Amino acid sequence: MSKKRYTIETSCPQCGCSAVSNLSHDEIKKKYGDVPNVEMECNECMAKYTDNMAKACPEWDEECKLNK
C-alpha cells in the first residue's frame, strides 16, 4: 500500500516561475509543520516568498483543518 501524496503548487511573485512538490504527510510535517503560510524559495531567481498553504495545497488544508 502506497502512502498518500499531496501536491503543493506555488508560483514566485517576482518572476512567475511555478513550483510543484509531491510530498507525503510525514514529509510535509517535517518540512513545513502545521502552519497556515509556507516559506518558499524560487529555484530560478532565488527570491524568498510566503504562500498560503490552503491555496498551495487545498487537499492538505482540508485534511489537517488549518483554517479551524
C-alpha atoms as a PDB file:
ATOM      1  CA  MET A   1       0.000   0.000   0.000  1.00  0.00           C
ATOM      2  CA  SER A   2       1.412   3.372  -1.002  1.00  0.00           C
ATOM      3  CA  LYS A   3       1.363   6.457   1.169  1.00  0.00           C
ATOM      4  CA  LYS A   4      -0.933   9.288   0.160  1.00  0.00           C
ATOM      5  CA  ARG A   5       0.930  12.100  -1.563  1.00  0.00           C
ATOM      6  CA  TYR A   6      -0.065  15.769  -1.536  1.00  0.00           C
ATOM      7  CA  THR A   7       0.677  18.226  -4.321  1.00  0.00           C
ATOM      8  CA  ILE A   8       1.896  21.661  -3.266  1.00  0.00           C
ATOM      9  CA  GLU A   9       1.771  24.225  -6.089  1.00  0.00           C
ATOM     10  CA  THR A  10       3.102  27.752  -5.766  1.00  0.00           C
ATOM     11  CA  SER A  11       4.371  30.472  -8.076  1.00  0.00           C
ATOM     12  CA  CYS A  12       7.032  33.066  -7.447  1.00  0.00           C
ATOM     13  CA  PRO A  13       5.580  36.583  -7.168  1.00  0.00           C
ATOM     14  CA  GLN A  14       8.810  38.081  -8.529  1.00  0.00           C
ATOM     15  CA  CYS A  15       9.431  36.078 -11.732  1.00  0.00           C
ATOM     16  CA  GLY A  16       6.273  33.970 -12.076  1.00  0.00           C
ATOM     17  CA  CYS A  17       8.019  30.575 -12.121  1.00  0.00           C
ATOM     18  CA  SER A  18       5.932  27.807 -10.654  1.00  0.00           C
ATOM     19  CA  ALA A  19       6.996  25.097  -8.248  1.00  0.00           C
ATOM     20  CA  VAL A  20       5.288  21.755  -7.726  1.00  0.00           C
ATOM     21  CA  SER A  21       6.137  19.313  -4.940  1.00  0.00           C
ATOM     22  CA  ASN A  22       4.593  15.920  -4.252  1.00  0.00           C
ATOM     23  CA  LEU A  23       5.108  15.076  -0.597  1.00  0.00           C
ATOM     24  CA  SER A  24       3.764  12.563   1.892  1.00  0.00           C
ATOM     25  CA  HIS A  25       2.089  13.572   5.161  1.00  0.00           C
ATOM     26  CA  ASP A  26       5.321  12.995   7.097  1.00  0.00           C
ATOM     27  CA  GLU A  27       7.419  14.950   4.585  1.00  0.00           C
ATOM     28  CA  ILE A  28       5.083  17.961   4.788  1.00  0.00           C
ATOM     29  CA  LYS A  29       5.093  17.853   8.601  1.00  0.00           C
ATOM     30  CA  LYS A  30       8.898  17.721   8.665  1.00  0.00           C
ATOM     31  CA  LYS A  31       9.438  20.435   6.046  1.00  0.00           C
ATOM     32  CA  TYR A  32       6.627  22.899   6.868  1.00  0.00           C
ATOM     33  CA  GLY A  33       4.843  21.831  10.062  1.00  0.00           C
ATOM     34  CA  ASP A  34       1.224  22.833  10.688  1.00  0.00           C
ATOM     35  CA  VAL A  35       1.447  26.466   9.666  1.00  0.00           C
ATOM     36  CA  PRO A  36      -1.064  28.436   7.597  1.00  0.00           C
ATOM     37  CA  ASN A  37       1.711  30.003   5.468  1.00  0.00           C
ATOM     38  CA  VAL A  38       4.748  28.296   3.990  1.00  0.00           C
ATOM     39  CA  GLU A  39       8.104  29.879   3.253  1.00  0.00           C
ATOM     40  CA  MET A  40       9.343  29.109  -0.256  1.00  0.00           C
ATOM     41  CA  GLU A  41      12.425  29.914  -2.336  1.00  0.00           C
ATOM     42  CA  CYS A  42      12.256  30.233  -6.125  1.00  0.00           C
ATOM     43  CA  ASN A  43      14.649  27.902  -7.935  1.00  0.00           C
ATOM     44  CA  GLU A  44      15.043  30.386 -10.801  1.00  0.00           C
ATOM     45  CA  CYS A  45      15.522  33.852  -9.275  1.00  0.00           C
ATOM     46  CA  MET A  46      16.228  32.709  -5.685  1.00  0.00           C
ATOM     47  CA  ALA A  47      13.594  35.071  -4.253  1.00  0.00           C
ATOM     48  CA  LYS A  48      12.141  34.054  -0.906  1.00  0.00           C
ATOM     49  CA  TYR A  49       8.393  34.363  -0.555  1.00  0.00           C
ATOM     50  CA  THR A  50       5.487  33.214   1.587  1.00  0.00           C
ATOM     51  CA  ASP A  51       2.433  31.437   0.244  1.00  0.00           C
ATOM     52  CA  ASN A  52      -0.804  30.412   1.894  1.00  0.00           C
ATOM     53  CA  MET A  53      -0.869  26.626   2.499  1.00  0.00           C
ATOM     54  CA  ALA A  54      -4.653  26.470   1.988  1.00  0.00           C
ATOM     55  CA  LYS A  55      -4.156  27.886  -1.518  1.00  0.00           C
ATOM     56  CA  ALA A  56      -0.947  25.965  -2.288  1.00  0.00           C
ATOM     57  CA  CYS A  57      -2.381  22.604  -1.202  1.00  0.00           C
ATOM     58  CA  PRO A  58      -6.146  22.649  -0.558  1.00  0.00           C
ATOM     59  CA  GLU A  59      -6.178  18.877  -0.005  1.00  0.00           C
ATOM     60  CA  TRP A  60      -3.663  19.159   2.868  1.00  0.00           C
ATOM     61  CA  ASP A  61      -5.583  22.072   4.346  1.00  0.00           C
ATOM     62  CA  GLU A  62      -8.843  20.108   4.248  1.00  0.00           C
ATOM     63  CA  GLU A  63      -7.341  17.058   5.936  1.00  0.00           C
ATOM     64  CA  CYS A  64      -5.424  18.957   8.632  1.00  0.00           C
ATOM     65  CA  LYS A  65      -8.104  21.607   9.220  1.00  0.00           C
ATOM     66  CA  LEU A  66      -5.616  24.502   9.211  1.00  0.00           C
ATOM     67  CA  ASN A  67      -8.435  27.022   8.859  1.00  0.00           C
ATOM     68  CA  LYS A  68     -10.161  25.924  12.060  1.00  0.00           C
END
